[in-house]
Amino acid sequence: MSEKSPAITRNCERAVVTAYRELRACGTLDMQAFHACTTLYRIHHPEASISEARCLVSEWIDHHVVRQAEGRTSGCDCD
């Protein structure tokens, strides 16, 4: 994770973003990393549908990795 990245407070969000960054850094293709992170989210939230998981994971990756934006994202209410 970059030194400039703000702290992510949700455990599942931090796990997803960290996993995505690490997978991409070691050469995993974008879609493979995305699918792995969707699975990881569903491990944290087995009640989530695959559609919901894909939506949140894509939002978090876009927010934290692509745009490198700060601030809270929408999503689950866990800590």
PDB file of N, CA and C in Angstrom:
ATOM      1  N   MET A   1       0.840  -1.169   0.000  1.00  0.00           N
ATOM      2  CA  MET A   1       0.000   0.000   0.000  1.00  0.00           C
ATOM      3  C   MET A   1       0.889   1.237   0.000  1.00  0.00           C
ATOM      4  N   SER A   2       0.451   2.246  -0.686  1.00  0.00           N
ATOM      5  CA  SER A   2       1.182   3.491  -0.798  1.00  0.00           C
ATOM      6  C   SER A   2       1.201   4.232   0.531  1.00  0.00           C
ATOM      7  N   GLU A   3       2.293   4.963   0.789  1.00  0.00           N
ATOM      8  CA  GLU A   3       2.407   5.761   1.998  1.00  0.00           C
ATOM      9  C   GLU A   3       1.321   6.843   2.041  1.00  0.00           C
ATOM     10  N   LYS A   4       0.870   7.320   0.880  1.00  0.00           N
ATOM     11  CA  LYS A   4      -0.098   8.400   0.810  1.00  0.00           C
ATOM     12  C   LYS A   4      -1.535   7.923   0.958  1.00  0.00           C
ATOM     13  N   SER A   5      -1.773   6.627   0.943  1.00  0.00           N
ATOM     14  CA  SER A   5      -3.131   6.100   1.020  1.00  0.00           C
ATOM     15  C   SER A   5      -3.726   6.368   2.392  1.00  0.00           C
ATOM     16  N   PRO A   6      -4.950   6.904   2.424  1.00  0.00           N
ATOM     17  CA  PRO A   6      -5.596   7.120   3.711  1.00  0.00           C
ATOM     18  C   PRO A   6      -5.999   5.787   4.330  1.00  0.00           C
ATOM     19  N   ALA A   7      -6.141   5.783   5.631  1.00  0.00           N
ATOM     20  CA  ALA A   7      -6.540   4.561   6.326  1.00  0.00           C
ATOM     21  C   ALA A   7      -7.960   4.182   5.916  1.00  0.00           C
ATOM     22  N   ILE A   8      -8.164   2.911   5.682  1.00  0.00           N
ATOM     23  CA  ILE A   8      -9.491   2.385   5.366  1.00  0.00           C
ATOM     24  C   ILE A   8     -10.011   1.752   6.649  1.00  0.00           C
ATOM     25  N   THR A   9     -11.157   2.209   7.113  1.00  0.00           N
ATOM     26  CA  THR A   9     -11.631   1.777   8.424  1.00  0.00           C
ATOM     27  C   THR A   9     -12.383   0.460   8.424  1.00  0.00           C
ATOM     28  N   ARG A  10     -13.072   0.110   7.341  1.00  0.00           N
ATOM     29  CA  ARG A  10     -13.799  -1.162   7.300  1.00  0.00           C
ATOM     30  C   ARG A  10     -12.824  -2.302   7.042  1.00  0.00           C
ATOM     31  N   ASN A  11     -12.909  -3.357   7.853  1.00  0.00           N
ATOM     32  CA  ASN A  11     -12.014  -4.505   7.680  1.00  0.00           C
ATOM     33  C   ASN A  11     -12.159  -5.147   6.307  1.00  0.00           C
ATOM     34  N   CYS A  12     -13.401  -5.346   5.861  1.00  0.00           N
ATOM     35  CA  CYS A  12     -13.613  -6.018   4.579  1.00  0.00           C
ATOM     36  C   CYS A  12     -13.126  -5.142   3.426  1.00  0.00           C
ATOM     37  N   GLU A  13     -13.348  -3.847   3.511  1.00  0.00           N
ATOM     38  CA  GLU A  13     -12.899  -2.930   2.456  1.00  0.00           C
ATOM     39  C   GLU A  13     -11.372  -2.894   2.394  1.00  0.00           C
ATOM     40  N   ARG A  14     -10.738  -2.819   3.558  1.00  0.00           N
ATOM     41  CA  ARG A  14      -9.268  -2.816   3.611  1.00  0.00           C
ATOM     42  C   ARG A  14      -8.713  -4.125   3.051  1.00  0.00           C
ATOM     43  N   ALA A  15      -9.334  -5.243   3.404  1.00  0.00           N
ATOM     44  CA  ALA A  15      -8.884  -6.546   2.912  1.00  0.00           C
ATOM     45  C   ALA A  15      -8.999  -6.631   1.392  1.00  0.00           C
ATOM     46  N   VAL A  16     -10.116  -6.161   0.855  1.00  0.00           N
ATOM     47  CA  VAL A  16     -10.345  -6.204  -0.594  1.00  0.00           C
ATOM     48  C   VAL A  16      -9.336  -5.330  -1.333  1.00  0.00           C
ATOM     49  N   VAL A  17      -9.165  -4.094  -0.887  1.00  0.00           N
ATOM     50  CA  VAL A  17      -8.265  -3.162  -1.573  1.00  0.00           C
ATOM     51  C   VAL A  17      -6.810  -3.631  -1.462  1.00  0.00           C
ATOM     52  N   THR A  18      -6.421  -4.110  -0.298  1.00  0.00           N
ATOM     53  CA  THR A  18      -5.057  -4.622  -0.117  1.00  0.00           C
ATOM     54  C   THR A  18      -4.814  -5.827  -1.008  1.00  0.00           C
ATOM     55  N   ALA A  19      -5.760  -6.747  -1.022  1.00  0.00           N
ATOM     56  CA  ALA A  19      -5.615  -7.941  -1.861  1.00  0.00           C
ATOM     57  C   ALA A  19      -5.513  -7.563  -3.333  1.00  0.00           C
ATOM     58  N   TYR A  20      -6.358  -6.644  -3.773  1.00  0.00           N
ATOM     59  CA  TYR A  20      -6.334  -6.228  -5.180  1.00  0.00           C
ATOM     60  C   TYR A  20      -4.969  -5.622  -5.536  1.00  0.00           C
ATOM     61  N   ARG A  21      -4.499  -4.720  -4.710  1.00  0.00           N
ATOM     62  CA  ARG A  21      -3.192  -4.087  -4.972  1.00  0.00           C
ATOM     63  C   ARG A  21      -2.069  -5.122  -5.016  1.00  0.00           C
ATOM     64  N   GLU A  22      -2.075  -6.044  -4.068  1.00  0.00           N
ATOM     65  CA  GLU A  22      -1.012  -7.048  -4.008  1.00  0.00           C
ATOM     66  C   GLU A  22      -1.089  -8.021  -5.178  1.00  0.00           C
ATOM     67  N   LEU A  23      -2.283  -8.435  -5.546  1.00  0.00           N
ATOM     68  CA  LEU A  23      -2.429  -9.320  -6.702  1.00  0.00           C
ATOM     69  C   LEU A  23      -1.943  -8.642  -7.984  1.00  0.00           C
ATOM     70  N   ARG A  24      -2.325  -7.393  -8.175  1.00  0.00           N
ATOM     71  CA  ARG A  24      -1.903  -6.658  -9.375  1.00  0.00           C
ATOM     72  C   ARG A  24      -0.395  -6.438  -9.371  1.00  0.00           C
ATOM     73  N   ALA A  25       0.178  -6.177  -8.204  1.00  0.00           N
ATOM     74  CA  ALA A  25       1.618  -5.932  -8.093  1.00  0.00           C
ATOM     75  C   ALA A  25       2.436  -7.168  -8.459  1.00  0.00           C
ATOM     76  N   CYS A  26       1.872  -8.341  -8.245  1.00  0.00           N
ATOM     77  CA  CYS A  26       2.625  -9.561  -8.585  1.00  0.00           C
ATOM     78  C   CYS A  26       2.250 -10.104  -9.957  1.00  0.00           C
ATOM     79  N   GLY A  27       1.510  -9.311 -10.736  1.00  0.00           N
ATOM     80  CA  GLY A  27       1.262  -9.672 -12.126  1.00  0.00           C
ATOM     81  C   GLY A  27      -0.072 -10.312 -12.446  1.00  0.00           C
ATOM     82  N   THR A  28      -0.956 -10.416 -11.477  1.00  0.00           N
ATOM     83  CA  THR A  28      -2.277 -10.985 -11.738  1.00  0.00           C
ATOM     84  C   THR A  28      -3.067 -10.032 -12.632  1.00  0.00           C
ATOM     85  N   LEU A  29      -3.740 -10.577 -13.625  1.00  0.00           N
ATOM     86  CA  LEU A  29      -4.548  -9.758 -14.526  1.00  0.00           C
ATOM     87  C   LEU A  29      -5.694  -9.093 -13.764  1.00  0.00           C
ATOM     88  N   ASP A  30      -6.143  -7.952 -14.273  1.00  0.00           N
ATOM     89  CA  ASP A  30      -7.169  -7.160 -13.615  1.00  0.00           C
ATOM     90  C   ASP A  30      -8.419  -7.974 -13.277  1.00  0.00           C
ATOM     91  N   MET A  31      -8.992  -8.661 -14.253  1.00  0.00           N
ATOM     92  CA  MET A  31     -10.237  -9.394 -14.004  1.00  0.00           C
ATOM     93  C   MET A  31     -10.045 -10.558 -13.037  1.00  0.00           C
ATOM     94  N   GLN A  32      -8.897 -11.212 -13.087  1.00  0.00           N
ATOM     95  CA  GLN A  32      -8.629 -12.283 -12.128  1.00  0.00           C
ATOM     96  C   GLN A  32      -8.535 -11.725 -10.710  1.00  0.00           C
ATOM     97  N   ALA A  33      -7.872 -10.588 -10.564  1.00  0.00           N
ATOM     98  CA  ALA A  33      -7.767  -9.941  -9.254  1.00  0.00           C
ATOM     99  C   ALA A  33      -9.147  -9.498  -8.771  1.00  0.00           C
ATOM    100  N   PHE A  34      -9.939  -8.949  -9.677  1.00  0.00           N
ATOM    101  CA  PHE A  34     -11.292  -8.505  -9.332  1.00  0.00           C
ATOM    102  C   PHE A  34     -12.137  -9.681  -8.857  1.00  0.00           C
ATOM    103  N   HIS A  35     -12.101 -10.795  -9.563  1.00  0.00           N
ATOM    104  CA  HIS A  35     -12.892 -11.968  -9.163  1.00  0.00           C
ATOM    105  C   HIS A  35     -12.416 -12.521  -7.816  1.00  0.00           C
ATOM    106  N   ALA A  36     -11.115 -12.526  -7.597  1.00  0.00           N
ATOM    107  CA  ALA A  36     -10.586 -12.985  -6.311  1.00  0.00           C
ATOM    108  C   ALA A  36     -11.066 -12.084  -5.183  1.00  0.00           C
ATOM    109  N   CYS A  37     -11.085 -10.792  -5.423  1.00  0.00           N
ATOM    110  CA  CYS A  37     -11.520  -9.841  -4.401  1.00  0.00           C
ATOM    111  C   CYS A  37     -13.022  -9.914  -4.154  1.00  0.00           C
ATOM    112  N   THR A  38     -13.778 -10.223  -5.182  1.00  0.00           N
ATOM    113  CA  THR A  38     -15.214 -10.433  -5.006  1.00  0.00           C
ATOM    114  C   THR A  38     -15.451 -11.643  -4.110  1.00  0.00           C
ATOM    115  N   THR A  39     -14.695 -12.691  -4.324  1.00  0.00           N
ATOM    116  CA  THR A  39     -14.780 -13.884  -3.475  1.00  0.00           C
ATOM    117  C   THR A  39     -14.379 -13.545  -2.048  1.00  0.00           C
ATOM    118  N   LEU A  40     -13.312 -12.770  -1.891  1.00  0.00           N
ATOM    119  CA  LEU A  40     -12.860 -12.363  -0.563  1.00  0.00           C
ATOM    120  C   LEU A  40     -13.950 -11.572   0.160  1.00  0.00           C
ATOM    121  N   TYR A  41     -14.601 -10.649  -0.538  1.00  0.00           N
ATOM    122  CA  TYR A  41     -15.693  -9.890   0.071  1.00  0.00           C
ATOM    123  C   TYR A  41     -16.796 -10.829   0.557  1.00  0.00           C
ATOM    124  N   ARG A  42     -17.118 -11.811  -0.260  1.00  0.00           N
ATOM    125  CA  ARG A  42     -18.197 -12.739   0.109  1.00  0.00           C
ATOM    126  C   ARG A  42     -17.796 -13.646   1.266  1.00  0.00           C
ATOM    127  N   ILE A  43     -16.515 -13.823   1.503  1.00  0.00           N
ATOM    128  CA  ILE A  43     -16.075 -14.557   2.695  1.00  0.00           C
ATOM    129  C   ILE A  43     -16.392 -13.712   3.933  1.00  0.00           C
ATOM    130  N   HIS A  44     -16.148 -12.407   3.840  1.00  0.00           N
ATOM    131  CA  HIS A  44     -16.476 -11.492   4.942  1.00  0.00           C
ATOM    132  C   HIS A  44     -17.985 -11.332   5.092  1.00  0.00           C
ATOM    133  N   HIS A  45     -18.699 -11.395   3.971  1.00  0.00           N
ATOM    134  CA  HIS A  45     -20.154 -11.167   3.955  1.00  0.00           C
ATOM    135  C   HIS A  45     -20.853 -12.255   3.131  1.00  0.00           C
ATOM    136  N   PRO A  46     -21.012 -13.453   3.698  1.00  0.00           N
ATOM    137  CA  PRO A  46     -21.643 -14.544   2.938  1.00  0.00           C
ATOM    138  C   PRO A  46     -23.101 -14.264   2.575  1.00  0.00           C
ATOM    139  N   GLU A  47     -23.708 -13.321   3.263  1.00  0.00           N
ATOM    140  CA  GLU A  47     -25.095 -12.970   2.959  1.00  0.00           C
ATOM    141  C   GLU A  47     -25.230 -12.130   1.691  1.00  0.00           C
ATOM    142  N   ALA A  48     -24.131 -11.590   1.204  1.00  0.00           N
ATOM    143  CA  ALA A  48     -24.157 -10.716   0.023  1.00  0.00           C
ATOM    144  C   ALA A  48     -24.319 -11.538  -1.257  1.00  0.00           C
ATOM    145  N   SER A  49     -25.106 -11.008  -2.164  1.00  0.00           N
ATOM    146  CA  SER A  49     -25.235 -11.646  -3.476  1.00  0.00           C
ATOM    147  C   SER A  49     -23.973 -11.378  -4.284  1.00  0.00           C
ATOM    148  N   ILE A  50     -23.758 -12.170  -5.298  1.00  0.00           N
ATOM    149  CA  ILE A  50     -22.599 -11.957  -6.165  1.00  0.00           C
ATOM    150  C   ILE A  50     -22.681 -10.587  -6.830  1.00  0.00           C
ATOM    151  N   SER A  51     -23.879 -10.172  -7.185  1.00  0.00           N
ATOM    152  CA  SER A  51     -24.076  -8.865  -7.801  1.00  0.00           C
ATOM    153  C   SER A  51     -23.700  -7.730  -6.848  1.00  0.00           C
ATOM    154  N   GLU A  52     -24.150  -7.834  -5.604  1.00  0.00           N
ATOM    155  CA  GLU A  52     -23.820  -6.822  -4.599  1.00  0.00           C
ATOM    156  C   GLU A  52     -22.312  -6.788  -4.358  1.00  0.00           C
ATOM    157  N   ALA A  53     -21.701  -7.961  -4.250  1.00  0.00           N
ATOM    158  CA  ALA A  53     -20.255  -8.033  -4.031  1.00  0.00           C
ATOM    159  C   ALA A  53     -19.495  -7.390  -5.185  1.00  0.00           C
ATOM    160  N   ARG A  54     -19.873  -7.697  -6.402  1.00  0.00           N
ATOM    161  CA  ARG A  54     -19.206  -7.103  -7.569  1.00  0.00           C
ATOM    162  C   ARG A  54     -19.331  -5.585  -7.577  1.00  0.00           C
ATOM    163  N   CYS A  55     -20.510  -5.091  -7.244  1.00  0.00           N
ATOM    164  CA  CYS A  55     -20.741  -3.652  -7.231  1.00  0.00           C
ATOM    165  C   CYS A  55     -19.850  -2.959  -6.199  1.00  0.00           C
ATOM    166  N   LEU A  56     -19.827  -3.473  -4.970  1.00  0.00           N
ATOM    167  CA  LEU A  56     -19.011  -2.856  -3.921  1.00  0.00           C
ATOM    168  C   LEU A  56     -17.527  -2.958  -4.214  1.00  0.00           C
ATOM    169  N   VAL A  57     -17.079  -4.125  -4.643  1.00  0.00           N
ATOM    170  CA  VAL A  57     -15.659  -4.305  -4.939  1.00  0.00           C
ATOM    171  C   VAL A  57     -15.218  -3.361  -6.056  1.00  0.00           C
ATOM    172  N   SER A  58     -16.025  -3.245  -7.092  1.00  0.00           N
ATOM    173  CA  SER A  58     -15.648  -2.340  -8.185  1.00  0.00           C
ATOM    174  C   SER A  58     -15.634  -0.896  -7.710  1.00  0.00           C
ATOM    175  N   GLU A  59     -16.577  -0.519  -6.852  1.00  0.00           N
ATOM    176  CA  GLU A  59     -16.594   0.844  -6.314  1.00  0.00           C
ATOM    177  C   GLU A  59     -15.352   1.105  -5.464  1.00  0.00           C
ATOM    178  N   TRP A  60     -14.990   0.157  -4.611  1.00  0.00           N
ATOM    179  CA  TRP A  60     -13.830   0.338  -3.747  1.00  0.00           C
ATOM    180  C   TRP A  60     -12.531   0.393  -4.540  1.00  0.00           C
ATOM    181  N   ILE A  61     -12.392  -0.458  -5.534  1.00  0.00           N
ATOM    182  CA  ILE A  61     -11.184  -0.438  -6.365  1.00  0.00           C
ATOM    183  C   ILE A  61     -11.095   0.879  -7.129  1.00  0.00           C
ATOM    184  N   ASP A  62     -12.210   1.309  -7.680  1.00  0.00           N
ATOM    185  CA  ASP A  62     -12.222   2.582  -8.394  1.00  0.00           C
ATOM    186  C   ASP A  62     -11.846   3.730  -7.457  1.00  0.00           C
ATOM    187  N   HIS A  63     -12.432   3.753  -6.292  1.00  0.00           N
ATOM    188  CA  HIS A  63     -12.205   4.838  -5.336  1.00  0.00           C
ATOM    189  C   HIS A  63     -10.757   4.873  -4.836  1.00  0.00           C
ATOM    190  N   HIS A  64     -10.284   3.734  -4.336  1.00  0.00           N
ATOM    191  CA  HIS A  64      -8.979   3.699  -3.665  1.00  0.00           C
ATOM    192  C   HIS A  64      -7.798   3.494  -4.601  1.00  0.00           C
ATOM    193  N   VAL A  65      -7.982   2.731  -5.666  1.00  0.00           N
ATOM    194  CA  VAL A  65      -6.863   2.368  -6.530  1.00  0.00           C
ATOM    195  C   VAL A  65      -6.820   3.240  -7.783  1.00  0.00           C
ATOM    196  N   VAL A  66      -7.931   3.309  -8.494  1.00  0.00           N
ATOM    197  CA  VAL A  66      -7.949   4.039  -9.769  1.00  0.00           C
ATOM    198  C   VAL A  66      -7.879   5.544  -9.531  1.00  0.00           C
ATOM    199  N   ARG A  67      -8.825   6.068  -8.749  1.00  0.00           N
ATOM    200  CA  ARG A  67      -8.876   7.520  -8.538  1.00  0.00           C
ATOM    201  C   ARG A  67      -8.007   7.982  -7.376  1.00  0.00           C
ATOM    202  N   GLN A  68      -7.593   7.045  -6.509  1.00  0.00           N
ATOM    203  CA  GLN A  68      -6.815   7.347  -5.312  1.00  0.00           C
ATOM    204  C   GLN A  68      -7.486   8.461  -4.502  1.00  0.00           C
ATOM    205  N   ALA A  69      -8.799   8.356  -4.406  1.00  0.00           N
ATOM    206  CA  ALA A  69      -9.595   9.357  -3.691  1.00  0.00           C
ATOM    207  C   ALA A  69      -9.528   9.122  -2.190  1.00  0.00           C
ATOM    208  N   GLU A  70      -9.800  10.171  -1.458  1.00  0.00           N
ATOM    209  CA  GLU A  70      -9.871  10.073  -0.004  1.00  0.00           C
ATOM    210  C   GLU A  70     -11.324  10.109   0.413  1.00  0.00           C
ATOM    211  N   GLY A  71     -11.553   9.770   1.656  1.00  0.00           N
ATOM    212  CA  GLY A  71     -12.911   9.815   2.182  1.00  0.00           C
ATOM    213  C   GLY A  71     -13.567   8.456   2.196  1.00  0.00           C
ATOM    214  N   ARG A  72     -14.664   8.405   2.878  1.00  0.00           N
ATOM    215  CA  ARG A  72     -15.411   7.157   3.080  1.00  0.00           C
ATOM    216  C   ARG A  72     -16.184   6.791   1.819  1.00  0.00           C
ATOM    217  N   THR A  73     -16.304   5.530   1.577  1.00  0.00           N
ATOM    218  CA  THR A  73     -17.098   5.025   0.460  1.00  0.00           C
ATOM    219  C   THR A  73     -18.395   4.441   1.002  1.00  0.00           C
ATOM    220  N   SER A  74     -19.328   4.214   0.109  1.00  0.00           N
ATOM    221  CA  SER A  74     -20.558   3.544   0.536  1.00  0.00           C
ATOM    222  C   SER A  74     -20.272   2.056   0.661  1.00  0.00           C
ATOM    223  N   GLY A  75     -21.168   1.349   1.255  1.00  0.00           N
ATOM    224  CA  GLY A  75     -20.965  -0.089   1.376  1.00  0.00           C
ATOM    225  C   GLY A  75     -21.534  -0.624   2.648  1.00  0.00           C
ATOM    226  N   CYS A  76     -20.939  -1.661   3.147  1.00  0.00           N
ATOM    227  CA  CYS A  76     -21.440  -2.338   4.339  1.00  0.00           C
ATOM    228  C   CYS A  76     -21.220  -1.486   5.591  1.00  0.00           C
ATOM    229  N   ASP A  77     -21.842  -1.913   6.672  1.00  0.00           N
ATOM    230  CA  ASP A  77     -21.754  -1.168   7.930  1.00  0.00           C
ATOM    231  C   ASP A  77     -20.788  -1.808   8.922  1.00  0.00           C
ATOM    232  N   CYS A  78     -19.988  -2.743   8.485  1.00  0.00           N
ATOM    233  CA  CYS A  78     -19.082  -3.396   9.426  1.00  0.00           C
ATOM    234  C   CYS A  78     -17.847  -2.531   9.691  1.00  0.00           C
ATOM    235  N   ASP A  79     -17.131  -2.860  10.742  1.00  0.00           N
ATOM    236  CA  ASP A  79     -15.889  -2.150  11.089  1.00  0.00           C
ATOM    237  C   ASP A  79     -14.704  -3.035  10.934  1.00  0.00           C
TER     238      ASP A  79
END
